[in-house]
Structures are given as C-alpha cells and as structure tokens.
Amino acid sequence: MSAKLALIIVDMLKVFFQSSGELPTSKNLDKVAQNIKILSDECRRRGIPVIYSNDAFQPAEASIEPHFKLFGVHAIKGDPLSDVIDLIAPTQNDFVVEKRMYDGFYDTRLDSVLRALRVDTVIVTGTWTDGCVKHTVMGAWARCYNPIVVEDAVTSPDENEHVWALKYMKKYYGAKVLTVSEALDMIRTNS
C-alpha cells in the first residue's frame, strides 16, 4: 500500500534570508530553496498537498514573545519580510498554517488539515533543521504520521547542529532521512 503524502515547508520566509545581528542565517539557504522548489513543483504536478508552516506574530507580541528574546523580533504580520520567498511562494491551491512555536503542530490547524487530506506521511523541508524543522518532525511523529526529512532541503545556521538534528530525528522519531533525488523517486512511486 502506498503512502498518502504531504509536503511541509517550514519557515522559508524572507526574513531568514537577511543577515542581521540577532537572527543568524544559513549559508546554503538559496540551494535549499531551489531543492524545495523542485520538490514542491513535483508534488503539485502529482496532486500531493503542499503545506506551509510559517512563523506569524501580531505586532503587539513583539515586546512579550519569549522567542524574540532568543532570536530577535521577526515574522511580524504585515512586514514584507514575513512573506515566503518569491521562488517558492504558495499558490492558491496550497495550505498556509501560521504558527507561534517551533512545532508547526502546536496550537495550529496543521493536524486537522493533514487528517482531512487523509495524509499518513509528511515530507518535511525548510529552515532551522535543529529548531522548527526538528520540532515539527517531533509533532508529526507524536501524532502518528510517518516523518521524512529531506537532508538537502533543510538547513541550519550551524552545520554541526544541522547534522546532529538529522541524526536525532532519525534515532528518536524514526524519521527517514532522504536526499532530494530519493524523495523525488518516492513521490513518483507513490502517486
């Protein structure tokens, strides 16, 4: 029996492509974005849902959000830097789920959207392998989804943390860690 797939794109926001003092950026974000584009285009062609899990905060939260004490104020609604980068911007047929915690499932609609779509396997891509990606994979695993992480479609500002997070997700969440090429083969086989 083939898996019912969905692609989750985590926090590929313009703000993460900007260099700032408080919010470090990954050096290979452009390559990761290209790989996500390849995956999302293939998923759309094959009718596989594409879901964006994005940080999204109200302006009033800037002074009280604990997250901002660690990484600076970012992803404020209305700020153009809070939009998904143009290369992989959502289409009208994609789902956009706003989040305020690292885990894309925590206190969001993500689980209900996946269940309505009858998804059992999620392919997770995006930025901060050791942060929002890892926590979203944990959220998927805790809700009995089969998590897949595409190692060259996720990134972190620290390469060592990126590698550690991939190993961690594989060991503790049973995540399959695939390359873009392997993920494309799986998408084509399952559709």
C-alpha atoms as a PDB file:
ATOM      1  CA  MET A   1       0.000   0.000   0.000  1.00  0.00           C
ATOM      2  CA  SER A   2       1.426   3.378  -0.935  1.00  0.00           C
ATOM      3  CA  ALA A   3       1.728   6.271   1.469  1.00  0.00           C
ATOM      4  CA  LYS A   4      -0.575   9.280   1.367  1.00  0.00           C
ATOM      5  CA  LEU A   5       1.941  12.104   1.248  1.00  0.00           C
ATOM      6  CA  ALA A   6       2.043  15.816   2.004  1.00  0.00           C
ATOM      7  CA  LEU A   7       4.961  18.216   1.706  1.00  0.00           C
ATOM      8  CA  ILE A   8       5.519  20.589   4.640  1.00  0.00           C
ATOM      9  CA  ILE A   9       7.658  23.679   4.049  1.00  0.00           C
ATOM     10  CA  VAL A  10       8.821  25.236   7.325  1.00  0.00           C
ATOM     11  CA  ASP A  11       9.634  28.941   7.704  1.00  0.00           C
ATOM     12  CA  MET A  12      11.079  29.735   4.297  1.00  0.00           C
ATOM     13  CA  LEU A  13      10.430  33.406   4.996  1.00  0.00           C
ATOM     14  CA  LYS A  14      12.267  36.360   3.512  1.00  0.00           C
ATOM     15  CA  VAL A  15      13.490  37.421   6.946  1.00  0.00           C
ATOM     16  CA  PHE A  16      15.583  34.254   7.201  1.00  0.00           C
ATOM     17  CA  PHE A  17      17.423  35.232   4.013  1.00  0.00           C
ATOM     18  CA  GLN A  18      18.523  38.581   5.509  1.00  0.00           C
ATOM     19  CA  SER A  19      21.659  38.999   7.584  1.00  0.00           C
ATOM     20  CA  SER A  20      21.001  40.564  10.954  1.00  0.00           C
ATOM     21  CA  GLY A  21      22.771  40.540  14.283  1.00  0.00           C
ATOM     22  CA  GLU A  22      20.159  38.665  16.302  1.00  0.00           C
ATOM     23  CA  LEU A  23      18.822  36.257  13.687  1.00  0.00           C
ATOM     24  CA  PRO A  24      21.575  34.175  12.076  1.00  0.00           C
ATOM     25  CA  THR A  25      21.060  32.882   8.557  1.00  0.00           C
ATOM     26  CA  SER A  26      22.185  29.700   6.883  1.00  0.00           C
ATOM     27  CA  LYS A  27      24.807  29.926   4.185  1.00  0.00           C
ATOM     28  CA  ASN A  28      23.094  27.464   1.847  1.00  0.00           C
ATOM     29  CA  LEU A  29      19.522  28.782   2.008  1.00  0.00           C
ATOM     30  CA  ASP A  30      19.451  29.519  -1.726  1.00  0.00           C
ATOM     31  CA  LYS A  31      20.327  25.906  -2.604  1.00  0.00           C
ATOM     32  CA  VAL A  32      17.782  24.619  -0.099  1.00  0.00           C
ATOM     33  CA  ALA A  33      15.152  26.913  -1.648  1.00  0.00           C
ATOM     34  CA  GLN A  34      15.960  25.543  -5.117  1.00  0.00           C
ATOM     35  CA  ASN A  35      15.584  21.986  -3.805  1.00  0.00           C
ATOM     36  CA  ILE A  36      12.274  22.828  -2.142  1.00  0.00           C
ATOM     37  CA  LYS A  37      11.070  24.311  -5.422  1.00  0.00           C
ATOM     38  CA  ILE A  38      11.904  21.060  -7.233  1.00  0.00           C
ATOM     39  CA  LEU A  39      10.015  19.048  -4.604  1.00  0.00           C
ATOM     40  CA  SER A  40       7.006  21.375  -4.406  1.00  0.00           C
ATOM     41  CA  ASP A  41       6.648  21.566  -8.183  1.00  0.00           C
ATOM     42  CA  GLU A  42       6.692  17.763  -8.415  1.00  0.00           C
ATOM     43  CA  CYS A  43       4.192  17.424  -5.569  1.00  0.00           C
ATOM     44  CA  ARG A  44       1.802  19.885  -7.208  1.00  0.00           C
ATOM     45  CA  ARG A  45       2.072  18.061 -10.556  1.00  0.00           C
ATOM     46  CA  ARG A  46       1.130  14.823  -8.822  1.00  0.00           C
ATOM     47  CA  GLY A  47      -1.673  16.212  -6.656  1.00  0.00           C
ATOM     48  CA  ILE A  48       0.287  15.909  -3.397  1.00  0.00           C
ATOM     49  CA  PRO A  49      -0.673  18.674  -0.934  1.00  0.00           C
ATOM     50  CA  VAL A  50       1.873  21.404  -0.258  1.00  0.00           C
ATOM     51  CA  ILE A  51       1.573  22.954   3.201  1.00  0.00           C
ATOM     52  CA  TYR A  52       3.483  25.950   4.536  1.00  0.00           C
ATOM     53  CA  SER A  53       4.153  26.149   8.280  1.00  0.00           C
ATOM     54  CA  ASN A  54       5.160  29.750   8.961  1.00  0.00           C
ATOM     55  CA  ASP A  55       6.076  31.825  11.966  1.00  0.00           C
ATOM     56  CA  ALA A  56       3.457  34.589  12.232  1.00  0.00           C
ATOM     57  CA  PHE A  57       3.197  37.039  15.118  1.00  0.00           C
ATOM     58  CA  GLN A  58       0.998  40.035  15.861  1.00  0.00           C
ATOM     59  CA  PRO A  59       2.844  43.375  16.257  1.00  0.00           C
ATOM     60  CA  ALA A  60       1.782  43.604  19.926  1.00  0.00           C
ATOM     61  CA  GLU A  61       3.564  40.320  20.667  1.00  0.00           C
ATOM     62  CA  ALA A  62       6.983  41.839  19.896  1.00  0.00           C
ATOM     63  CA  SER A  63       7.501  43.017  23.476  1.00  0.00           C
ATOM     64  CA  ILE A  64       6.304  39.846  25.221  1.00  0.00           C
ATOM     65  CA  GLU A  65       7.174  36.885  22.975  1.00  0.00           C
ATOM     66  CA  PRO A  66       9.829  34.680  24.673  1.00  0.00           C
ATOM     67  CA  HIS A  67      11.025  33.505  21.247  1.00  0.00           C
ATOM     68  CA  PHE A  68      12.106  37.065  20.415  1.00  0.00           C
ATOM     69  CA  LYS A  69      14.347  37.242  23.470  1.00  0.00           C
ATOM     70  CA  LEU A  70      16.431  34.488  21.888  1.00  0.00           C
ATOM     71  CA  PHE A  71      16.362  35.421  18.199  1.00  0.00           C
ATOM     72  CA  GLY A  72      15.099  38.972  17.905  1.00  0.00           C
ATOM     73  CA  VAL A  73      11.786  40.203  16.580  1.00  0.00           C
ATOM     74  CA  HIS A  74      10.829  38.607  13.251  1.00  0.00           C
ATOM     75  CA  ALA A  75       7.862  37.290  11.274  1.00  0.00           C
ATOM     76  CA  ILE A  76       5.507  40.075  12.318  1.00  0.00           C
ATOM     77  CA  LYS A  77       2.293  40.021  10.291  1.00  0.00           C
ATOM     78  CA  GLY A  78       2.235  42.804   7.726  1.00  0.00           C
ATOM     79  CA  ASP A  79       6.017  43.027   7.417  1.00  0.00           C
ATOM     80  CA  PRO A  80       7.002  42.129   3.822  1.00  0.00           C
ATOM     81  CA  LEU A  81       9.981  40.161   5.201  1.00  0.00           C
ATOM     82  CA  SER A  82       7.463  37.825   6.858  1.00  0.00           C
ATOM     83  CA  ASP A  83       6.312  36.503   3.473  1.00  0.00           C
ATOM     84  CA  VAL A  84       7.562  33.246   1.973  1.00  0.00           C
ATOM     85  CA  ILE A  85      10.378  33.879  -0.512  1.00  0.00           C
ATOM     86  CA  ASP A  86       9.163  34.502  -4.048  1.00  0.00           C
ATOM     87  CA  LEU A  87      10.851  31.425  -5.537  1.00  0.00           C
ATOM     88  CA  ILE A  88       8.623  29.064  -3.578  1.00  0.00           C
ATOM     89  CA  ALA A  89       5.663  31.298  -2.706  1.00  0.00           C
ATOM     90  CA  PRO A  90       2.398  29.465  -2.005  1.00  0.00           C
ATOM     91  CA  THR A  91      -0.105  29.048  -4.808  1.00  0.00           C
ATOM     92  CA  GLN A  92      -3.865  29.358  -4.364  1.00  0.00           C
ATOM     93  CA  ASN A  93      -4.106  25.565  -4.004  1.00  0.00           C
ATOM     94  CA  ASP A  94      -1.541  25.326  -1.191  1.00  0.00           C
ATOM     95  CA  PHE A  95      -2.257  25.443   2.536  1.00  0.00           C
ATOM     96  CA  VAL A  96      -0.660  28.046   4.800  1.00  0.00           C
ATOM     97  CA  VAL A  97      -0.676  27.308   8.530  1.00  0.00           C
ATOM     98  CA  GLU A  98       0.553  30.028  10.865  1.00  0.00           C
ATOM     99  CA  LYS A  99       2.473  29.082  13.997  1.00  0.00           C
ATOM    100  CA  ARG A 100       3.944  30.830  17.015  1.00  0.00           C
ATOM    101  CA  MET A 101       6.026  27.988  18.432  1.00  0.00           C
ATOM    102  CA  TYR A 102       8.804  25.947  16.883  1.00  0.00           C
ATOM    103  CA  ASP A 103       6.495  22.934  16.416  1.00  0.00           C
ATOM    104  CA  GLY A 104       4.215  23.510  13.416  1.00  0.00           C
ATOM    105  CA  PHE A 105       1.554  21.319  15.061  1.00  0.00           C
ATOM    106  CA  TYR A 106       1.385  23.046  18.433  1.00  0.00           C
ATOM    107  CA  ASP A 107      -1.841  25.066  18.723  1.00  0.00           C
ATOM    108  CA  THR A 108      -2.328  25.216  14.917  1.00  0.00           C
ATOM    109  CA  ARG A 109      -4.601  23.685  12.265  1.00  0.00           C
ATOM    110  CA  LEU A 110      -1.820  21.523  10.792  1.00  0.00           C
ATOM    111  CA  ASP A 111      -3.026  18.214  12.243  1.00  0.00           C
ATOM    112  CA  SER A 112      -6.643  18.814  11.228  1.00  0.00           C
ATOM    113  CA  VAL A 113      -5.589  19.785   7.679  1.00  0.00           C
ATOM    114  CA  LEU A 114      -3.486  16.618   7.329  1.00  0.00           C
ATOM    115  CA  ARG A 115      -6.265  14.422   8.721  1.00  0.00           C
ATOM    116  CA  ALA A 116      -8.847  15.989   6.373  1.00  0.00           C
ATOM    117  CA  LEU A 117      -6.473  15.195   3.498  1.00  0.00           C
ATOM    118  CA  ARG A 118      -6.029  11.619   4.857  1.00  0.00           C
ATOM    119  CA  VAL A 119      -2.253  12.062   4.946  1.00  0.00           C
ATOM    120  CA  ASP A 120      -0.161   9.471   6.776  1.00  0.00           C
ATOM    121  CA  THR A 121       3.353  10.519   5.698  1.00  0.00           C
ATOM    122  CA  VAL A 122       4.849  14.003   5.798  1.00  0.00           C
ATOM    123  CA  ILE A 123       7.899  15.173   3.885  1.00  0.00           C
ATOM    124  CA  VAL A 124       9.441  17.999   5.900  1.00  0.00           C
ATOM    125  CA  THR A 125      11.629  20.710   4.393  1.00  0.00           C
ATOM    126  CA  GLY A 126      12.627  24.223   5.419  1.00  0.00           C
ATOM    127  CA  THR A 127      14.820  26.185   7.702  1.00  0.00           C
ATOM    128  CA  TRP A 128      16.345  25.571  11.025  1.00  0.00           C
ATOM    129  CA  THR A 129      16.882  21.823  10.969  1.00  0.00           C
ATOM    130  CA  ASP A 130      17.708  21.946  14.690  1.00  0.00           C
ATOM    131  CA  GLY A 131      14.776  24.220  15.560  1.00  0.00           C
ATOM    132  CA  CYS A 132      11.420  24.463  13.829  1.00  0.00           C
ATOM    133  CA  VAL A 133      12.088  21.556  11.461  1.00  0.00           C
ATOM    134  CA  LYS A 134      13.066  19.187  14.301  1.00  0.00           C
ATOM    135  CA  HIS A 135      10.148  20.242  16.489  1.00  0.00           C
ATOM    136  CA  THR A 136       7.680  19.905  13.609  1.00  0.00           C
ATOM    137  CA  VAL A 137       9.005  16.409  12.889  1.00  0.00           C
ATOM    138  CA  MET A 138       8.507  15.581  16.571  1.00  0.00           C
ATOM    139  CA  GLY A 139       4.958  16.925  16.353  1.00  0.00           C
ATOM    140  CA  ALA A 140       4.279  14.756  13.320  1.00  0.00           C
ATOM    141  CA  TRP A 141       5.737  11.646  14.953  1.00  0.00           C
ATOM    142  CA  ALA A 142       3.802  12.260  18.194  1.00  0.00           C
ATOM    143  CA  ARG A 143       0.581  12.319  16.131  1.00  0.00           C
ATOM    144  CA  CYS A 144       1.458   9.048  14.358  1.00  0.00           C
ATOM    145  CA  TYR A 145       2.494  10.467  10.993  1.00  0.00           C
ATOM    146  CA  ASN A 146       5.481   8.917   9.249  1.00  0.00           C
ATOM    147  CA  PRO A 147       8.078  11.703   9.037  1.00  0.00           C
ATOM    148  CA  ILE A 148      10.540  12.074   6.183  1.00  0.00           C
ATOM    149  CA  VAL A 149      13.210  14.777   6.279  1.00  0.00           C
ATOM    150  CA  VAL A 150      14.941  15.803   3.057  1.00  0.00           C
ATOM    151  CA  GLU A 151      18.508  16.452   4.182  1.00  0.00           C
ATOM    152  CA  ASP A 152      19.413  18.775   1.298  1.00  0.00           C
ATOM    153  CA  ALA A 153      16.104  20.664   1.578  1.00  0.00           C
ATOM    154  CA  VAL A 154      16.593  21.636   5.237  1.00  0.00           C
ATOM    155  CA  THR A 155      19.267  23.840   6.745  1.00  0.00           C
ATOM    156  CA  SER A 156      20.560  25.473   9.885  1.00  0.00           C
ATOM    157  CA  PRO A 157      22.912  28.376  10.567  1.00  0.00           C
ATOM    158  CA  ASP A 158      25.282  25.869  12.204  1.00  0.00           C
ATOM    159  CA  GLU A 159      26.278  22.881  10.034  1.00  0.00           C
ATOM    160  CA  ASN A 160      27.143  20.787  13.097  1.00  0.00           C
ATOM    161  CA  GLU A 161      23.674  21.401  14.546  1.00  0.00           C
ATOM    162  CA  HIS A 162      22.125  20.518  11.167  1.00  0.00           C
ATOM    163  CA  VAL A 163      23.922  17.152  11.108  1.00  0.00           C
ATOM    164  CA  TRP A 164      23.123  16.498  14.769  1.00  0.00           C
ATOM    165  CA  ALA A 165      19.411  17.266  14.245  1.00  0.00           C
ATOM    166  CA  LEU A 166      19.168  14.892  11.276  1.00  0.00           C
ATOM    167  CA  LYS A 167      20.673  12.084  13.373  1.00  0.00           C
ATOM    168  CA  TYR A 168      18.410  12.945  16.292  1.00  0.00           C
ATOM    169  CA  MET A 169      15.224  12.871  14.195  1.00  0.00           C
ATOM    170  CA  LYS A 170      16.230   9.559  12.665  1.00  0.00           C
ATOM    171  CA  LYS A 171      17.033   7.995  16.048  1.00  0.00           C
ATOM    172  CA  TYR A 172      14.214   9.362  18.222  1.00  0.00           C
ATOM    173  CA  TYR A 173      11.379   9.959  15.743  1.00  0.00           C
ATOM    174  CA  GLY A 174      12.070   7.200  13.239  1.00  0.00           C
ATOM    175  CA  ALA A 175      12.342   9.813  10.516  1.00  0.00           C
ATOM    176  CA  LYS A 176      13.562   8.651   7.156  1.00  0.00           C
ATOM    177  CA  VAL A 177      16.311  10.976   6.017  1.00  0.00           C
ATOM    178  CA  LEU A 178      16.383  11.209   2.227  1.00  0.00           C
ATOM    179  CA  THR A 179      18.101  13.296  -0.422  1.00  0.00           C
ATOM    180  CA  VAL A 180      16.053  15.362  -2.882  1.00  0.00           C
ATOM    181  CA  SER A 181      16.681  12.703  -5.528  1.00  0.00           C
ATOM    182  CA  GLU A 182      15.473   9.912  -3.232  1.00  0.00           C
ATOM    183  CA  ALA A 183      12.433  11.963  -2.185  1.00  0.00           C
ATOM    184  CA  LEU A 184      11.522  12.608  -5.830  1.00  0.00           C
ATOM    185  CA  ASP A 185      11.730   8.868  -6.552  1.00  0.00           C
ATOM    186  CA  MET A 186       9.440   8.178  -3.589  1.00  0.00           C
ATOM    187  CA  ILE A 187       6.961  10.885  -4.683  1.00  0.00           C
ATOM    188  CA  ARG A 188       6.832   9.458  -8.202  1.00  0.00           C
ATOM    189  CA  THR A 189       6.409   5.903  -6.920  1.00  0.00           C
ATOM    190  CA  ASN A 190       3.607   6.827  -4.502  1.00  0.00           C
ATOM    191  CA  SER A 191       1.462   8.898  -6.852  1.00  0.00           C
END
